[in-house]
Amino acid sequence: MTKATVLVIGSNATQIELKGGGSAAIGQYLNETVVPSMALLDAGYDIVLATPAGTKMHIDEASDSAQHFGGDEAAHARANAFYADDPTMNQVRTLRSVIDGGLDRFAGVFVPGGHAPVVDLMQDEDMGTILRHFHDAAKPTALLCHGPVAIAAAMPRAREFRAALVTGNGEAAAAIAKGWIYTGYQATVFSVSEEQWAEDNLFHAKLPFYMPDALQLSGAKVTTNPVDWAPNVVIDRELITGQNMASDHLLAAKLIEALDSWLAKR
């Protein structure tokens, strides 16, 4: 018998706009998706995967490497097999169907990273509805790497907020974010220096905005580890955020601790 069910939310985005025009291929990171999901299952939790379109996420090619599994080729192979074959990764639902089916049955929610959530999840109305439920119920809400930016979806005008970020209008973005449910929360997210490495080495162009700027303009209190690629997790009330792909195991452990604690108080 499982302990409870956790909602895992993925993105369907495959392209992100770049400063100066054009776009770049993106997706979800393999380790960020699989490591916490496998840990949840091993800890006795069920998971339900949902995306905006109800279709499986695209895995970012840059993440499909043993490098993101501590150089362990066997762990990398297990991750690929899990993502390809495990029923939990293939029985994908839409965010709307999950809402319609009732959110009370979920003990927590997890959003992996990769750049994809920056495009669709952070401005998705259904994502906002889901986040507000978990916030109001004080249920563990974990987001990793670029995933924490998805909490912007809880704003009533999330699309306008993102549009202001893309145009560089920080003043407008901050005004749109007034009254956001996560105002004052401590959080972390993919750092500026880590993003600049990605711009120089992966995209060869500048992205439309940086993740810490987006959350700080929203009203969150953002801190990032000055050591790039070092694991870092910040916990504030129900919100659990991890800075980068190297935070996958640590965030999974903290999410499971929070879920166990939440269940013990019921």
C-alpha atoms as a PDB file:
ATOM      1  CA  MET A   1       0.000   0.000   0.000  1.00  0.00           C
ATOM      2  CA  THR A   2       1.385   3.378  -1.004  1.00  0.00           C
ATOM      3  CA  LYS A   3       1.679   6.308   1.375  1.00  0.00           C
ATOM      4  CA  ALA A   4       0.059   8.903  -0.874  1.00  0.00           C
ATOM      5  CA  THR A   5       0.137  10.318  -4.407  1.00  0.00           C
ATOM      6  CA  VAL A   6       2.385  13.127  -5.639  1.00  0.00           C
ATOM      7  CA  LEU A   7       1.631  15.190  -8.732  1.00  0.00           C
ATOM      8  CA  VAL A   8       4.603  15.620 -11.084  1.00  0.00           C
ATOM      9  CA  ILE A   9       4.175  18.458 -13.572  1.00  0.00           C
ATOM     10  CA  GLY A  10       6.170  18.674 -16.792  1.00  0.00           C
ATOM     11  CA  SER A  11       6.401  21.175 -19.611  1.00  0.00           C
ATOM     12  CA  ASN A  12       5.628  20.695 -23.282  1.00  0.00           C
ATOM     13  CA  ALA A  13       7.847  23.562 -24.471  1.00  0.00           C
ATOM     14  CA  THR A  14      10.571  22.733 -26.996  1.00  0.00           C
ATOM     15  CA  GLN A  15      11.741  26.238 -28.005  1.00  0.00           C
ATOM     16  CA  ILE A  16      12.624  29.419 -26.126  1.00  0.00           C
ATOM     17  CA  GLU A  17      12.920  32.889 -27.617  1.00  0.00           C
ATOM     18  CA  LEU A  18      16.322  34.612 -27.610  1.00  0.00           C
ATOM     19  CA  LYS A  19      17.292  38.249 -27.261  1.00  0.00           C
ATOM     20  CA  GLY A  20      17.768  39.828 -30.649  1.00  0.00           C
ATOM     21  CA  GLY A  21      15.496  37.327 -32.362  1.00  0.00           C
ATOM     22  CA  GLY A  22      15.457  33.648 -33.079  1.00  0.00           C
ATOM     23  CA  SER A  23      14.938  30.748 -30.728  1.00  0.00           C
ATOM     24  CA  ALA A  24      16.745  27.760 -29.250  1.00  0.00           C
ATOM     25  CA  ALA A  25      15.810  24.140 -28.639  1.00  0.00           C
ATOM     26  CA  ILE A  26      15.012  23.298 -25.024  1.00  0.00           C
ATOM     27  CA  GLY A  27      13.262  20.643 -22.945  1.00  0.00           C
ATOM     28  CA  GLN A  28      13.115  19.059 -19.517  1.00  0.00           C
ATOM     29  CA  TYR A  29      16.346  17.781 -17.961  1.00  0.00           C
ATOM     30  CA  LEU A  30      16.490  14.006 -17.704  1.00  0.00           C
ATOM     31  CA  ASN A  31      18.056  13.738 -14.253  1.00  0.00           C
ATOM     32  CA  GLU A  32      15.826  16.459 -12.808  1.00  0.00           C
ATOM     33  CA  THR A  33      12.745  14.592 -13.987  1.00  0.00           C
ATOM     34  CA  VAL A  34      13.788  11.025 -13.224  1.00  0.00           C
ATOM     35  CA  VAL A  35      15.881  11.176 -10.039  1.00  0.00           C
ATOM     36  CA  PRO A  36      13.163  12.716  -7.800  1.00  0.00           C
ATOM     37  CA  SER A  37      10.431  10.619  -9.462  1.00  0.00           C
ATOM     38  CA  MET A  38      12.300   7.377  -8.828  1.00  0.00           C
ATOM     39  CA  ALA A  39      13.086   8.470  -5.264  1.00  0.00           C
ATOM     40  CA  LEU A  40       9.397   9.128  -4.596  1.00  0.00           C
ATOM     41  CA  LEU A  41       8.448   5.685  -5.851  1.00  0.00           C
ATOM     42  CA  ASP A  42      11.214   4.061  -3.799  1.00  0.00           C
ATOM     43  CA  ALA A  43       9.940   5.927  -0.710  1.00  0.00           C
ATOM     44  CA  GLY A  44       6.464   4.431  -1.122  1.00  0.00           C
ATOM     45  CA  TYR A  45       4.680   7.244  -2.968  1.00  0.00           C
ATOM     46  CA  ASP A  46       2.664   6.989  -6.163  1.00  0.00           C
ATOM     47  CA  ILE A  47       3.178   9.660  -8.798  1.00  0.00           C
ATOM     48  CA  VAL A  48       0.903  11.056 -11.483  1.00  0.00           C
ATOM     49  CA  LEU A  49       2.511  12.894 -14.404  1.00  0.00           C
ATOM     50  CA  ALA A  50       0.702  15.809 -16.035  1.00  0.00           C
ATOM     51  CA  THR A  51       1.587  18.420 -18.651  1.00  0.00           C
ATOM     52  CA  PRO A  52      -0.374  21.266 -20.236  1.00  0.00           C
ATOM     53  CA  ALA A  53      -1.048  19.268 -23.418  1.00  0.00           C
ATOM     54  CA  GLY A  54      -1.274  15.859 -21.767  1.00  0.00           C
ATOM     55  CA  THR A  55       1.655  14.610 -23.845  1.00  0.00           C
ATOM     56  CA  LYS A  56       5.063  13.455 -22.714  1.00  0.00           C
ATOM     57  CA  MET A  57       7.797  16.033 -22.150  1.00  0.00           C
ATOM     58  CA  HIS A  58      10.703  16.460 -24.548  1.00  0.00           C
ATOM     59  CA  ILE A  59      14.028  15.701 -22.884  1.00  0.00           C
ATOM     60  CA  ASP A  60      16.706  18.324 -23.510  1.00  0.00           C
ATOM     61  CA  GLU A  61      19.549  16.712 -25.463  1.00  0.00           C
ATOM     62  CA  ALA A  62      22.119  18.477 -23.272  1.00  0.00           C
ATOM     63  CA  SER A  63      20.813  16.561 -20.268  1.00  0.00           C
ATOM     64  CA  ASP A  64      21.006  13.101 -21.803  1.00  0.00           C
ATOM     65  CA  SER A  65      24.476  12.405 -20.457  1.00  0.00           C
ATOM     66  CA  ALA A  66      26.109  10.404 -17.683  1.00  0.00           C
ATOM     67  CA  GLN A  67      27.654  13.715 -16.596  1.00  0.00           C
ATOM     68  CA  HIS A  68      24.375  14.531 -14.864  1.00  0.00           C
ATOM     69  CA  PHE A  69      24.446  11.213 -13.024  1.00  0.00           C
ATOM     70  CA  GLY A  70      27.834  11.655 -11.410  1.00  0.00           C
ATOM     71  CA  GLY A  71      29.533  10.065 -14.409  1.00  0.00           C
ATOM     72  CA  ASP A  72      27.737   6.789 -13.706  1.00  0.00           C
ATOM     73  CA  GLU A  73      26.877   5.231 -17.068  1.00  0.00           C
ATOM     74  CA  ALA A  74      24.692   2.577 -15.424  1.00  0.00           C
ATOM     75  CA  ALA A  75      22.654   5.217 -13.573  1.00  0.00           C
ATOM     76  CA  HIS A  76      22.257   7.137 -16.817  1.00  0.00           C
ATOM     77  CA  ALA A  77      21.032   4.001 -18.580  1.00  0.00           C
ATOM     78  CA  ARG A  78      18.547   3.273 -15.770  1.00  0.00           C
ATOM     79  CA  ALA A  79      17.226   6.822 -16.032  1.00  0.00           C
ATOM     80  CA  ASN A  80      16.665   6.517 -19.758  1.00  0.00           C
ATOM     81  CA  ALA A  81      14.944   3.163 -19.322  1.00  0.00           C
ATOM     82  CA  PHE A  82      12.705   4.544 -16.576  1.00  0.00           C
ATOM     83  CA  TYR A  83      11.708   7.573 -18.638  1.00  0.00           C
ATOM     84  CA  ALA A  84      11.086   5.466 -21.739  1.00  0.00           C
ATOM     85  CA  ASP A  85       9.294   2.495 -20.221  1.00  0.00           C
ATOM     86  CA  ASP A  86       7.899   3.111 -16.751  1.00  0.00           C
ATOM     87  CA  PRO A  87       4.099   3.479 -16.754  1.00  0.00           C
ATOM     88  CA  THR A  88       4.280   6.577 -14.547  1.00  0.00           C
ATOM     89  CA  MET A  89       6.208   8.379 -17.296  1.00  0.00           C
ATOM     90  CA  ASN A  90       3.834   7.300 -20.048  1.00  0.00           C
ATOM     91  CA  GLN A  91       0.365   7.697 -18.562  1.00  0.00           C
ATOM     92  CA  VAL A  92       0.368  11.477 -18.988  1.00  0.00           C
ATOM     93  CA  ARG A  93      -2.636  13.615 -18.135  1.00  0.00           C
ATOM     94  CA  THR A  94      -3.483  17.215 -18.877  1.00  0.00           C
ATOM     95  CA  LEU A  95      -3.268  19.758 -16.083  1.00  0.00           C
ATOM     96  CA  ARG A  96      -6.962  20.479 -16.616  1.00  0.00           C
ATOM     97  CA  SER A  97      -7.969  16.821 -16.240  1.00  0.00           C
ATOM     98  CA  VAL A  98      -5.992  16.598 -13.012  1.00  0.00           C
ATOM     99  CA  ILE A  99      -7.820  19.654 -11.679  1.00  0.00           C
ATOM    100  CA  ASP A 100     -11.184  18.292 -12.779  1.00  0.00           C
ATOM    101  CA  GLY A 101     -10.390  14.970 -11.082  1.00  0.00           C
ATOM    102  CA  GLY A 102      -9.770  16.712  -7.761  1.00  0.00           C
ATOM    103  CA  LEU A 103      -6.519  17.994  -6.291  1.00  0.00           C
ATOM    104  CA  ASP A 104      -7.321  16.895  -2.751  1.00  0.00           C
ATOM    105  CA  ARG A 105      -5.997  13.417  -3.486  1.00  0.00           C
ATOM    106  CA  PHE A 106      -2.444  14.687  -3.955  1.00  0.00           C
ATOM    107  CA  ALA A 107      -0.115  15.070  -0.976  1.00  0.00           C
ATOM    108  CA  GLY A 108       2.415  17.184  -2.844  1.00  0.00           C
ATOM    109  CA  VAL A 109       3.580  18.489  -6.194  1.00  0.00           C
ATOM    110  CA  PHE A 110       6.955  18.427  -7.957  1.00  0.00           C
ATOM    111  CA  VAL A 111       8.123  20.410 -11.011  1.00  0.00           C
ATOM    112  CA  PRO A 112      11.455  19.472 -12.644  1.00  0.00           C
ATOM    113  CA  GLY A 113      13.605  21.908 -14.571  1.00  0.00           C
ATOM    114  CA  GLY A 114      15.376  22.410 -17.810  1.00  0.00           C
ATOM    115  CA  HIS A 115      14.475  25.664 -19.561  1.00  0.00           C
ATOM    116  CA  ALA A 116      11.074  24.380 -20.669  1.00  0.00           C
ATOM    117  CA  PRO A 117       8.968  25.579 -17.666  1.00  0.00           C
ATOM    118  CA  VAL A 118      10.160  29.140 -18.381  1.00  0.00           C
ATOM    119  CA  VAL A 119       8.125  29.101 -21.582  1.00  0.00           C
ATOM    120  CA  ASP A 120       4.777  27.502 -20.795  1.00  0.00           C
ATOM    121  CA  LEU A 121       4.315  26.574 -17.119  1.00  0.00           C
ATOM    122  CA  MET A 122       5.098  30.010 -15.690  1.00  0.00           C
ATOM    123  CA  GLN A 123       2.157  31.527 -17.577  1.00  0.00           C
ATOM    124  CA  ASP A 124      -0.274  28.597 -17.616  1.00  0.00           C
ATOM    125  CA  GLU A 125      -3.649  29.267 -15.975  1.00  0.00           C
ATOM    126  CA  ASP A 126      -4.141  25.649 -14.923  1.00  0.00           C
ATOM    127  CA  MET A 127      -0.673  25.634 -13.366  1.00  0.00           C
ATOM    128  CA  GLY A 128      -1.755  28.665 -11.374  1.00  0.00           C
ATOM    129  CA  THR A 129      -4.889  26.905 -10.162  1.00  0.00           C
ATOM    130  CA  ILE A 130      -2.827  23.913  -9.040  1.00  0.00           C
ATOM    131  CA  LEU A 131      -0.263  26.048  -7.218  1.00  0.00           C
ATOM    132  CA  ARG A 132      -2.945  27.988  -5.352  1.00  0.00           C
ATOM    133  CA  HIS A 133      -4.484  24.716  -4.150  1.00  0.00           C
ATOM    134  CA  PHE A 134      -1.193  23.418  -2.766  1.00  0.00           C
ATOM    135  CA  HIS A 135      -0.391  26.794  -1.227  1.00  0.00           C
ATOM    136  CA  ASP A 136      -3.772  27.094   0.491  1.00  0.00           C
ATOM    137  CA  ALA A 137      -3.506  23.522   1.808  1.00  0.00           C
ATOM    138  CA  ALA A 138       0.152  24.002   2.847  1.00  0.00           C
ATOM    139  CA  LYS A 139       1.114  20.832   0.977  1.00  0.00           C
ATOM    140  CA  PRO A 140       4.746  20.277  -0.101  1.00  0.00           C
ATOM    141  CA  THR A 141       5.490  22.153  -3.323  1.00  0.00           C
ATOM    142  CA  ALA A 142       8.901  21.317  -4.798  1.00  0.00           C
ATOM    143  CA  LEU A 143      10.479  22.842  -7.890  1.00  0.00           C
ATOM    144  CA  LEU A 144      13.960  22.297  -9.309  1.00  0.00           C
ATOM    145  CA  CYS A 145      16.466  24.385 -11.286  1.00  0.00           C
ATOM    146  CA  HIS A 146      14.336  26.475 -13.717  1.00  0.00           C
ATOM    147  CA  GLY A 147      11.191  24.881 -12.298  1.00  0.00           C
ATOM    148  CA  PRO A 148      10.827  27.471  -9.499  1.00  0.00           C
ATOM    149  CA  VAL A 149       9.962  30.114 -12.107  1.00  0.00           C
ATOM    150  CA  ALA A 150       6.709  28.216 -12.655  1.00  0.00           C
ATOM    151  CA  ILE A 151       5.364  29.606  -9.384  1.00  0.00           C
ATOM    152  CA  ALA A 152       4.772  32.861 -11.273  1.00  0.00           C
ATOM    153  CA  ALA A 153       1.740  31.090 -12.748  1.00  0.00           C
ATOM    154  CA  ALA A 154      -0.058  31.678  -9.443  1.00  0.00           C
ATOM    155  CA  MET A 155      -0.375  35.369 -10.418  1.00  0.00           C
ATOM    156  CA  PRO A 156      -3.749  36.371 -11.884  1.00  0.00           C
ATOM    157  CA  ARG A 157      -1.882  38.094 -14.748  1.00  0.00           C
ATOM    158  CA  ALA A 158       0.953  35.637 -15.263  1.00  0.00           C
ATOM    159  CA  ARG A 159       1.055  36.054 -19.052  1.00  0.00           C
ATOM    160  CA  GLU A 160       1.421  39.802 -18.725  1.00  0.00           C
ATOM    161  CA  PHE A 161       4.121  39.315 -16.101  1.00  0.00           C
ATOM    162  CA  ARG A 162       6.191  37.126 -18.413  1.00  0.00           C
ATOM    163  CA  ALA A 163       5.681  39.498 -21.336  1.00  0.00           C
ATOM    164  CA  ALA A 164       7.012  42.370 -19.219  1.00  0.00           C
ATOM    165  CA  LEU A 165      10.097  40.316 -18.350  1.00  0.00           C
ATOM    166  CA  VAL A 166      10.762  39.560 -22.010  1.00  0.00           C
ATOM    167  CA  THR A 167      10.607  43.249 -22.918  1.00  0.00           C
ATOM    168  CA  GLY A 168      12.875  44.162 -20.002  1.00  0.00           C
ATOM    169  CA  ASN A 169      10.202  46.191 -18.211  1.00  0.00           C
ATOM    170  CA  GLY A 170      10.985  45.255 -14.610  1.00  0.00           C
ATOM    171  CA  GLU A 171       8.839  48.042 -13.186  1.00  0.00           C
ATOM    172  CA  ALA A 172       5.774  46.756 -15.001  1.00  0.00           C
ATOM    173  CA  ALA A 173       6.553  43.176 -14.007  1.00  0.00           C
ATOM    174  CA  ALA A 174       6.787  44.123 -10.336  1.00  0.00           C
ATOM    175  CA  ALA A 175       3.502  46.020 -10.513  1.00  0.00           C
ATOM    176  CA  ILE A 176       1.732  43.077 -12.165  1.00  0.00           C
ATOM    177  CA  ALA A 177       3.031  40.732  -9.432  1.00  0.00           C
ATOM    178  CA  LYS A 178       1.500  42.707  -6.551  1.00  0.00           C
ATOM    179  CA  GLY A 179      -0.497  40.435  -4.245  1.00  0.00           C
ATOM    180  CA  TRP A 180       1.251  37.250  -5.418  1.00  0.00           C
ATOM    181  CA  ILE A 181       0.761  34.362  -2.967  1.00  0.00           C
ATOM    182  CA  TYR A 182       4.503  33.686  -2.656  1.00  0.00           C
ATOM    183  CA  THR A 183       5.498  37.259  -1.830  1.00  0.00           C
ATOM    184  CA  GLY A 184       8.140  37.198   0.885  1.00  0.00           C
ATOM    185  CA  TYR A 185       8.988  33.506   0.460  1.00  0.00           C
ATOM    186  CA  GLN A 186      12.632  32.453   0.555  1.00  0.00           C
ATOM    187  CA  ALA A 187      13.578  30.588  -2.626  1.00  0.00           C
ATOM    188  CA  THR A 188      16.412  29.625  -4.909  1.00  0.00           C
ATOM    189  CA  VAL A 189      16.623  29.034  -8.656  1.00  0.00           C
ATOM    190  CA  PHE A 190      19.175  28.615 -11.471  1.00  0.00           C
ATOM    191  CA  SER A 191      21.683  31.395 -10.860  1.00  0.00           C
ATOM    192  CA  VAL A 192      22.722  34.210 -13.181  1.00  0.00           C
ATOM    193  CA  SER A 193      26.287  32.900 -13.486  1.00  0.00           C
ATOM    194  CA  GLU A 194      25.038  29.382 -14.250  1.00  0.00           C
ATOM    195  CA  GLU A 195      22.705  30.811 -16.882  1.00  0.00           C
ATOM    196  CA  GLN A 196      25.499  32.845 -18.415  1.00  0.00           C
ATOM    197  CA  TRP A 197      27.499  29.625 -18.800  1.00  0.00           C
ATOM    198  CA  ALA A 198      24.518  28.097 -20.613  1.00  0.00           C
ATOM    199  CA  GLU A 199      24.207  31.160 -22.843  1.00  0.00           C
ATOM    200  CA  ASP A 200      27.888  31.009 -23.787  1.00  0.00           C
ATOM    201  CA  ASN A 201      28.210  27.247 -24.185  1.00  0.00           C
ATOM    202  CA  LEU A 202      24.782  25.933 -25.173  1.00  0.00           C
ATOM    203  CA  PHE A 203      22.749  28.722 -26.772  1.00  0.00           C
ATOM    204  CA  HIS A 204      25.474  31.087 -28.023  1.00  0.00           C
ATOM    205  CA  ALA A 205      22.971  33.858 -27.428  1.00  0.00           C
ATOM    206  CA  LYS A 206      21.278  35.685 -24.570  1.00  0.00           C
ATOM    207  CA  LEU A 207      18.040  34.460 -23.017  1.00  0.00           C
ATOM    208  CA  PRO A 208      15.150  36.896 -22.559  1.00  0.00           C
ATOM    209  CA  PHE A 209      15.553  37.172 -18.763  1.00  0.00           C
ATOM    210  CA  TYR A 210      17.314  35.594 -15.799  1.00  0.00           C
ATOM    211  CA  MET A 211      15.505  33.413 -13.303  1.00  0.00           C
ATOM    212  CA  PRO A 212      16.580  35.156 -10.047  1.00  0.00           C
ATOM    213  CA  ASP A 213      15.463  38.496 -11.512  1.00  0.00           C
ATOM    214  CA  ALA A 214      12.054  37.059 -12.387  1.00  0.00           C
ATOM    215  CA  LEU A 215      11.411  35.724  -8.894  1.00  0.00           C
ATOM    216  CA  GLN A 216      12.759  38.799  -7.124  1.00  0.00           C
ATOM    217  CA  LEU A 217      10.545  41.061  -9.207  1.00  0.00           C
ATOM    218  CA  SER A 218       7.662  38.777  -8.246  1.00  0.00           C
ATOM    219  CA  GLY A 219       8.310  39.461  -4.568  1.00  0.00           C
ATOM    220  CA  ALA A 220      10.271  36.347  -3.521  1.00  0.00           C
ATOM    221  CA  LYS A 221      13.519  36.592  -1.530  1.00  0.00           C
ATOM    222  CA  VAL A 222      15.972  34.791  -3.770  1.00  0.00           C
ATOM    223  CA  THR A 223      19.389  33.472  -2.770  1.00  0.00           C
ATOM    224  CA  THR A 224      21.731  31.375  -4.900  1.00  0.00           C
ATOM    225  CA  ASN A 225      24.902  29.528  -4.008  1.00  0.00           C
ATOM    226  CA  PRO A 226      27.942  31.510  -5.207  1.00  0.00           C
ATOM    227  CA  VAL A 227      29.567  28.198  -6.155  1.00  0.00           C
ATOM    228  CA  ASP A 228      28.138  27.230  -9.539  1.00  0.00           C
ATOM    229  CA  TRP A 229      26.742  23.702  -9.907  1.00  0.00           C
ATOM    230  CA  ALA A 230      26.874  23.000  -6.154  1.00  0.00           C
ATOM    231  CA  PRO A 231      23.706  21.413  -4.705  1.00  0.00           C
ATOM    232  CA  ASN A 232      21.492  23.970  -2.987  1.00  0.00           C
ATOM    233  CA  VAL A 233      17.953  23.651  -1.641  1.00  0.00           C
ATOM    234  CA  VAL A 234      15.923  26.320   0.150  1.00  0.00           C
ATOM    235  CA  ILE A 235      12.815  25.500   2.189  1.00  0.00           C
ATOM    236  CA  ASP A 236      10.255  28.088   3.294  1.00  0.00           C
ATOM    237  CA  ARG A 237       6.921  26.834   4.599  1.00  0.00           C
ATOM    238  CA  GLU A 238       5.489  24.480   1.948  1.00  0.00           C
ATOM    239  CA  LEU A 239       7.854  25.705  -0.774  1.00  0.00           C
ATOM    240  CA  ILE A 240      10.974  23.624  -1.546  1.00  0.00           C
ATOM    241  CA  THR A 241      13.240  24.979  -4.294  1.00  0.00           C
ATOM    242  CA  GLY A 242      16.478  23.583  -5.736  1.00  0.00           C
ATOM    243  CA  GLN A 243      18.996  25.738  -7.561  1.00  0.00           C
ATOM    244  CA  ASN A 244      20.386  23.535 -10.311  1.00  0.00           C
ATOM    245  CA  MET A 245      20.566  20.067 -11.835  1.00  0.00           C
ATOM    246  CA  ALA A 246      23.092  18.972  -9.195  1.00  0.00           C
ATOM    247  CA  SER A 247      20.417  19.534  -6.542  1.00  0.00           C
ATOM    248  CA  ASP A 248      18.291  16.615  -7.784  1.00  0.00           C
ATOM    249  CA  HIS A 249      19.080  14.092  -5.020  1.00  0.00           C
ATOM    250  CA  LEU A 250      19.014  16.700  -2.236  1.00  0.00           C
ATOM    251  CA  LEU A 251      15.682  18.141  -3.345  1.00  0.00           C
ATOM    252  CA  ALA A 252      14.206  14.644  -3.619  1.00  0.00           C
ATOM    253  CA  ALA A 253      15.273  13.866  -0.053  1.00  0.00           C
ATOM    254  CA  LYS A 254      13.850  17.126   1.289  1.00  0.00           C
ATOM    255  CA  LEU A 255      10.578  16.621  -0.579  1.00  0.00           C
ATOM    256  CA  ILE A 256      10.175  13.123   0.856  1.00  0.00           C
ATOM    257  CA  GLU A 257      10.916  14.430   4.357  1.00  0.00           C
ATOM    258  CA  ALA A 258       8.283  17.141   3.905  1.00  0.00           C
ATOM    259  CA  LEU A 259       5.722  14.675   2.582  1.00  0.00           C
ATOM    260  CA  ASP A 260       6.321  12.259   5.452  1.00  0.00           C
ATOM    261  CA  SER A 261       5.965  15.128   7.914  1.00  0.00           C
ATOM    262  CA  TRP A 262       2.763  16.396   6.264  1.00  0.00           C
ATOM    263  CA  LEU A 263       1.215  12.940   6.357  1.00  0.00           C
ATOM    264  CA  ALA A 264       2.187  12.465  10.012  1.00  0.00           C
ATOM    265  CA  LYS A 265       0.238  15.613  10.937  1.00  0.00           C
ATOM    266  CA  ARG A 266      -2.984  14.547   9.247  1.00  0.00           C
END
